[in-house]
Amino acid sequence: MDYALLQKIYNIKSFVGYTDEEIKELRAGFESIPHTLYEIWKKCGKTSELFDHSNDPWITLDFQRRYKWTRKTKGYFYILNENQGVYQVAIRRADMAEDDPPVYVVETDEDGTVNEIG
């Protein structure tokens, strides 16, 4: 990850990362997570410039605490939510142990069925 580029693009003075306890809460229910995701959370997980001013918000710890649906669907780990909730971006639960897992665009039907659409 090119953190210097992120600082330049988002005008970030300093990064704020999650603590190990916060990361433990974020990854609850998952034996392992992609190393890259861990690194991003540790380095800049709470950096407001990256997450709070986005039209399609990233799933942060605060988001997970506020919106419990992110944990109800057990087949996926959600990382982004389109601003009207039409679709989400997620990693399949089965792929969470991979270092660089594929990321899917998904939508959830009213009955809770998750459909991969991209």
Protein backbone atom coordinates (compact mmCIF):
# COMPACT_ATOMS: atom_id res chain seq x y z
CA MET A 1 0.00 0.00 0.00
CA ASP A 2 1.34 3.41 -0.94
CA TYR A 3 0.48 5.37 2.22
CA ALA A 4 2.37 8.47 1.03
CA LEU A 5 0.09 8.63 -2.00
CA LEU A 6 -2.99 8.27 0.22
CA GLN A 7 -1.74 11.13 2.38
CA LYS A 8 -1.33 13.31 -0.69
CA ILE A 9 -4.65 12.44 -2.32
CA TYR A 10 -6.75 12.82 0.85
CA ASN A 11 -4.71 15.61 2.46
CA ILE A 12 -4.00 13.52 5.55
CA LYS A 13 -1.65 14.99 8.14
CA SER A 14 -1.30 11.73 10.07
CA PHE A 15 -2.86 8.29 10.00
CA VAL A 16 -4.87 6.88 12.89
CA GLY A 17 -5.05 3.09 13.11
CA TYR A 18 -7.15 0.66 15.08
CA THR A 19 -5.80 -0.93 18.26
CA ASP A 20 -5.40 -4.69 18.46
CA GLU A 21 -8.57 -4.85 20.60
CA GLU A 22 -10.56 -2.93 17.98
CA ILE A 23 -9.23 -5.19 15.23
CA LYS A 24 -10.25 -8.20 17.30
CA GLU A 25 -13.80 -6.81 17.45
CA LEU A 26 -13.82 -6.02 13.71
CA ARG A 27 -12.78 -9.53 12.76
CA ALA A 28 -15.08 -11.27 15.24
CA GLY A 29 -16.23 -14.61 13.85
CA PHE A 30 -13.29 -14.97 11.49
CA GLU A 31 -10.35 -17.20 12.36
CA SER A 32 -8.07 -15.30 10.02
CA ILE A 33 -8.23 -12.21 7.83
CA PRO A 34 -6.20 -11.09 4.82
CA HIS A 35 -2.85 -9.64 5.91
CA THR A 36 -3.37 -6.57 3.73
CA LEU A 37 -6.69 -5.80 5.43
CA TYR A 38 -5.01 -6.11 8.84
CA GLU A 39 -2.24 -3.74 7.76
CA ILE A 40 -4.72 -1.14 6.50
CA TRP A 41 -6.76 -1.30 9.73
CA LYS A 42 -3.61 -1.07 11.85
CA LYS A 43 -2.17 1.89 9.91
CA CYS A 44 -5.23 3.96 9.00
CA GLY A 45 -8.47 2.27 10.12
CA LYS A 46 -9.67 5.34 12.03
CA THR A 47 -8.36 8.02 9.67
CA SER A 48 -11.48 10.09 9.14
CA GLU A 49 -10.36 11.60 5.82
CA LEU A 50 -10.44 8.15 4.24
CA PHE A 51 -13.81 6.97 5.49
CA ASP A 52 -16.13 9.69 6.77
CA HIS A 53 -16.45 11.81 3.64
CA SER A 54 -17.11 9.10 1.10
CA ASN A 55 -20.34 8.85 -0.87
CA ASP A 56 -20.17 5.07 -0.47
CA PRO A 57 -18.92 4.50 3.08
CA TRP A 58 -16.38 1.88 4.03
CA ILE A 59 -17.46 -0.51 6.76
CA THR A 60 -15.55 0.73 9.79
CA LEU A 61 -15.82 -0.51 13.37
CA ASP A 62 -18.25 2.30 14.18
CA PHE A 63 -20.36 1.32 11.14
CA GLN A 64 -20.42 -2.32 12.30
CA ARG A 65 -21.47 -1.27 15.79
CA ARG A 66 -24.24 0.95 14.43
CA TYR A 67 -25.56 -1.36 11.68
CA LYS A 68 -25.82 -4.96 12.86
CA TRP A 69 -26.76 -6.32 9.40
CA THR A 70 -23.05 -6.44 8.58
CA ARG A 71 -22.73 -9.45 10.90
CA LYS A 72 -26.06 -11.15 10.19
CA THR A 73 -25.06 -12.45 6.78
CA LYS A 74 -22.50 -15.06 7.74
CA GLY A 75 -21.21 -15.87 4.26
CA TYR A 76 -19.45 -12.53 3.72
CA PHE A 77 -17.30 -9.90 5.35
CA TYR A 78 -18.56 -6.50 4.21
CA ILE A 79 -16.05 -3.77 3.45
CA LEU A 80 -18.12 -1.08 1.67
CA ASN A 81 -21.79 -0.10 1.56
CA GLU A 82 -23.24 1.86 -1.37
CA ASN A 83 -24.77 5.04 0.06
CA GLN A 84 -28.38 3.93 -0.53
CA GLY A 85 -27.76 0.34 0.45
CA VAL A 86 -28.42 -0.94 -3.08
CA TYR A 87 -25.24 -3.02 -3.12
CA GLN A 88 -22.28 -3.82 -0.93
CA VAL A 89 -18.68 -4.85 -1.53
CA ALA A 90 -17.60 -7.95 0.36
CA ILE A 91 -15.14 -10.79 0.71
CA ARG A 92 -16.50 -14.33 0.87
CA ARG A 93 -16.09 -15.88 4.31
CA ALA A 94 -14.37 -18.88 2.71
CA ASP A 95 -11.75 -16.55 1.17
CA MET A 96 -10.86 -14.61 4.33
CA ALA A 97 -7.76 -16.75 4.97
CA GLU A 98 -6.25 -15.79 1.59
CA ASP A 99 -3.64 -13.05 1.57
CA ASP A 100 -5.23 -11.28 -1.42
CA PRO A 101 -8.81 -12.57 -1.73
CA PRO A 102 -11.23 -11.65 -4.50
CA VAL A 103 -13.71 -8.91 -3.64
CA TYR A 104 -17.33 -9.11 -4.83
CA VAL A 105 -20.15 -6.68 -5.43
CA VAL A 106 -23.19 -8.20 -3.72
CA GLU A 107 -26.83 -7.39 -3.12
CA THR A 108 -29.06 -8.87 -0.48
CA ASP A 109 -32.68 -9.85 -1.14
CA GLU A 110 -35.39 -9.14 1.43
CA ASP A 111 -35.25 -12.80 2.52
CA GLY A 112 -31.52 -12.44 3.32
CA THR A 113 -30.22 -14.23 0.23
CA VAL A 114 -26.96 -12.70 -0.97
CA ASN A 115 -26.38 -12.48 -4.72
CA GLU A 116 -22.97 -11.82 -6.24
CA ILE A 117 -23.48 -9.35 -9.07
CA GLY A 118 -19.92 -8.41 -9.88
